Amino acid sequence: MDDKLFDNNYNIENIKNNSVNTIATNCLALTVRKEYRLTITKHFFKKSIKLSIRVALSLLSLNFLNLFI
C-alpha cells in the first residue's frame, strides 16, 4: 500500500516537473519566434529604405542627365 502511495506521489511530482519544463520550453520558443519576426521586419524595412534611396538617386541622376540632352 505504501509503495502505491509513493508511486502516485512520484508520478504527480514528475508531471509537475514536466509541465514546468514544457512551460519554459514554450516561453523560449515564443521568444525565439518573436525575435525572428522582429529580425524579418527589420530586414524588410532596411531593404525598402535602401530601394527607395536608390530609386530617388536614379531619378535625380536621370533628371540631371536630361538637362544636357
N, C-alpha and C. Protein backbone atom coordinates (compact mmCIF):
# COMPACT_ATOMS: atom_id res chain seq x y z
N MET A 1 0.83 -1.19 0.00
CA MET A 1 0.00 0.00 0.00
C MET A 1 0.87 1.25 0.00
N ASP A 2 1.94 1.25 0.81
CA ASP A 2 2.81 2.42 0.85
C ASP A 2 3.54 2.62 -0.47
N ASP A 3 3.84 1.50 -1.13
CA ASP A 3 4.52 1.61 -2.42
C ASP A 3 3.63 2.30 -3.46
N LYS A 4 2.34 1.98 -3.43
CA LYS A 4 1.43 2.62 -4.37
C LYS A 4 1.33 4.11 -4.09
N LEU A 5 1.26 4.47 -2.82
CA LEU A 5 1.18 5.88 -2.44
C LEU A 5 2.44 6.61 -2.88
N PHE A 6 3.59 5.99 -2.67
CA PHE A 6 4.85 6.60 -3.10
C PHE A 6 4.88 6.76 -4.61
N ASP A 7 4.42 5.74 -5.34
CA ASP A 7 4.40 5.80 -6.81
C ASP A 7 3.48 6.92 -7.29
N ASN A 8 2.32 7.09 -6.65
CA ASN A 8 1.40 8.16 -7.05
C ASN A 8 2.02 9.52 -6.79
N ASN A 9 2.67 9.69 -5.63
CA ASN A 9 3.32 10.96 -5.33
C ASN A 9 4.45 11.24 -6.31
N TYR A 10 5.19 10.21 -6.63
CA TYR A 10 6.29 10.36 -7.58
C TYR A 10 5.76 10.78 -8.95
N ASN A 11 4.66 10.14 -9.36
CA ASN A 11 4.07 10.48 -10.66
C ASN A 11 3.56 11.92 -10.68
N ILE A 12 2.96 12.36 -9.59
CA ILE A 12 2.46 13.74 -9.51
C ILE A 12 3.63 14.72 -9.59
N GLU A 13 4.70 14.44 -8.87
CA GLU A 13 5.88 15.32 -8.92
C GLU A 13 6.50 15.31 -10.32
N ASN A 14 6.53 14.15 -10.93
CA ASN A 14 7.08 14.03 -12.27
C ASN A 14 6.25 14.84 -13.27
N ILE A 15 4.93 14.77 -13.14
CA ILE A 15 4.04 15.54 -14.02
C ILE A 15 4.26 17.03 -13.81
N LYS A 16 4.41 17.46 -12.55
CA LYS A 16 4.64 18.88 -12.26
C LYS A 16 5.96 19.34 -12.88
N ASN A 17 7.00 18.54 -12.74
CA ASN A 17 8.30 18.90 -13.32
C ASN A 17 8.23 18.99 -14.84
N ASN A 18 7.51 18.05 -15.44
CA ASN A 18 7.38 18.07 -16.90
C ASN A 18 6.61 19.29 -17.37
N SER A 19 5.58 19.68 -16.61
CA SER A 19 4.79 20.84 -17.02
C SER A 19 5.62 22.12 -16.88
N VAL A 20 6.47 22.19 -15.86
CA VAL A 20 7.35 23.35 -15.71
C VAL A 20 8.34 23.41 -16.85
N ASN A 21 8.90 22.27 -17.21
CA ASN A 21 9.84 22.22 -18.34
C ASN A 21 9.15 22.60 -19.65
N THR A 22 7.91 22.15 -19.82
CA THR A 22 7.16 22.46 -21.03
C THR A 22 6.88 23.95 -21.11
N ILE A 23 6.51 24.56 -19.99
CA ILE A 23 6.24 26.00 -19.97
C ILE A 23 7.51 26.78 -20.30
N ALA A 24 8.63 26.38 -19.72
CA ALA A 24 9.89 27.05 -20.01
C ALA A 24 10.27 26.89 -21.48
N THR A 25 10.06 25.71 -22.02
CA THR A 25 10.36 25.47 -23.43
C THR A 25 9.47 26.31 -24.32
N ASN A 26 8.18 26.38 -23.99
CA ASN A 26 7.25 27.19 -24.78
C ASN A 26 7.62 28.66 -24.72
N CYS A 27 8.03 29.14 -23.57
CA CYS A 27 8.43 30.54 -23.45
C CYS A 27 9.66 30.81 -24.30
N LEU A 28 10.59 29.91 -24.30
CA LEU A 28 11.79 30.07 -25.11
C LEU A 28 11.43 30.06 -26.59
N ALA A 29 10.55 29.15 -26.96
CA ALA A 29 10.13 29.08 -28.37
C ALA A 29 9.42 30.36 -28.78
N LEU A 30 8.58 30.90 -27.92
CA LEU A 30 7.89 32.15 -28.24
C LEU A 30 8.86 33.31 -28.33
N THR A 31 9.88 33.31 -27.48
CA THR A 31 10.88 34.38 -27.52
C THR A 31 11.66 34.31 -28.82
N VAL A 32 12.06 33.11 -29.20
CA VAL A 32 12.82 32.94 -30.44
C VAL A 32 11.95 33.34 -31.62
N ARG A 33 10.69 32.95 -31.60
CA ARG A 33 9.76 33.30 -32.67
C ARG A 33 9.59 34.80 -32.77
N LYS A 34 9.47 35.47 -31.63
CA LYS A 34 9.32 36.91 -31.60
C LYS A 34 10.57 37.59 -32.16
N GLU A 35 11.75 37.13 -31.74
CA GLU A 35 13.00 37.69 -32.23
C GLU A 35 13.13 37.47 -33.74
N TYR A 36 12.73 36.32 -34.22
CA TYR A 36 12.80 36.03 -35.65
C TYR A 36 11.88 36.98 -36.42
N ARG A 37 10.68 37.20 -35.91
CA ARG A 37 9.75 38.12 -36.57
C ARG A 37 10.30 39.54 -36.57
N LEU A 38 10.90 39.96 -35.47
CA LEU A 38 11.49 41.28 -35.42
C LEU A 38 12.65 41.41 -36.41
N THR A 39 13.43 40.36 -36.54
CA THR A 39 14.54 40.37 -37.49
C THR A 39 14.02 40.48 -38.92
N ILE A 40 12.98 39.73 -39.24
CA ILE A 40 12.39 39.78 -40.58
C ILE A 40 11.84 41.18 -40.85
N THR A 41 11.17 41.77 -39.88
CA THR A 41 10.61 43.11 -40.05
C THR A 41 11.71 44.14 -40.24
N LYS A 42 12.77 44.04 -39.45
CA LYS A 42 13.90 44.95 -39.56
C LYS A 42 14.54 44.82 -40.95
N HIS A 43 14.73 43.59 -41.40
CA HIS A 43 15.32 43.34 -42.71
C HIS A 43 14.45 43.94 -43.82
N PHE A 44 13.14 43.79 -43.70
CA PHE A 44 12.20 44.33 -44.69
C PHE A 44 12.31 45.85 -44.76
N PHE A 45 12.33 46.53 -43.61
CA PHE A 45 12.41 47.98 -43.61
C PHE A 45 13.76 48.47 -44.14
N LYS A 46 14.83 47.77 -43.81
CA LYS A 46 16.14 48.15 -44.34
C LYS A 46 16.15 48.04 -45.86
N LYS A 47 15.62 46.93 -46.38
CA LYS A 47 15.58 46.73 -47.83
C LYS A 47 14.73 47.80 -48.51
N SER A 48 13.58 48.10 -47.93
CA SER A 48 12.68 49.07 -48.56
C SER A 48 13.30 50.48 -48.53
N ILE A 49 13.98 50.83 -47.46
CA ILE A 49 14.63 52.15 -47.39
C ILE A 49 15.77 52.23 -48.40
N LYS A 50 16.58 51.17 -48.49
CA LYS A 50 17.67 51.16 -49.47
C LYS A 50 17.12 51.28 -50.89
N LEU A 51 16.06 50.56 -51.18
CA LEU A 51 15.47 50.61 -52.50
C LEU A 51 14.92 52.00 -52.80
N SER A 52 14.27 52.62 -51.83
CA SER A 52 13.73 53.97 -52.02
C SER A 52 14.85 54.96 -52.29
N ILE A 53 15.95 54.85 -51.57
CA ILE A 53 17.09 55.75 -51.79
C ILE A 53 17.68 55.54 -53.18
N ARG A 54 17.81 54.30 -53.60
CA ARG A 54 18.34 54.01 -54.94
C ARG A 54 17.44 54.59 -56.03
N VAL A 55 16.14 54.44 -55.86
CA VAL A 55 15.21 54.97 -56.84
C VAL A 55 15.31 56.49 -56.89
N ALA A 56 15.36 57.12 -55.72
CA ALA A 56 15.48 58.58 -55.67
C ALA A 56 16.77 59.05 -56.34
N LEU A 57 17.89 58.39 -56.06
CA LEU A 57 19.17 58.76 -56.70
C LEU A 57 19.13 58.54 -58.21
N SER A 58 18.50 57.47 -58.62
CA SER A 58 18.36 57.20 -60.06
C SER A 58 17.54 58.29 -60.74
N LEU A 59 16.46 58.69 -60.12
CA LEU A 59 15.63 59.75 -60.69
C LEU A 59 16.40 61.07 -60.76
N LEU A 60 17.13 61.39 -59.71
CA LEU A 60 17.92 62.62 -59.72
C LEU A 60 18.98 62.59 -60.81
N SER A 61 19.67 61.47 -60.94
CA SER A 61 20.73 61.40 -61.96
C SER A 61 20.14 61.44 -63.36
N LEU A 62 19.01 60.79 -63.60
CA LEU A 62 18.38 60.84 -64.92
C LEU A 62 17.90 62.25 -65.25
N ASN A 63 17.32 62.93 -64.27
CA ASN A 63 16.88 64.31 -64.50
C ASN A 63 18.08 65.21 -64.77
N PHE A 64 19.18 65.01 -64.08
CA PHE A 64 20.37 65.80 -64.31
C PHE A 64 20.94 65.55 -65.70
N LEU A 65 20.93 64.28 -66.14
CA LEU A 65 21.42 63.95 -67.48
C LEU A 65 20.50 64.51 -68.57
N ASN A 66 19.19 64.56 -68.29
CA ASN A 66 18.26 65.10 -69.27
C ASN A 66 18.45 66.60 -69.47
N LEU A 67 19.05 67.29 -68.54
CA LEU A 67 19.33 68.72 -68.71
C LEU A 67 20.30 68.95 -69.86
N PHE A 68 21.19 68.01 -70.09
CA PHE A 68 22.21 68.17 -71.12
C PHE A 68 21.77 67.66 -72.49
N ILE A 69 20.64 67.01 -72.56
CA ILE A 69 20.19 66.47 -73.84
C ILE A 69 19.31 67.49 -74.55
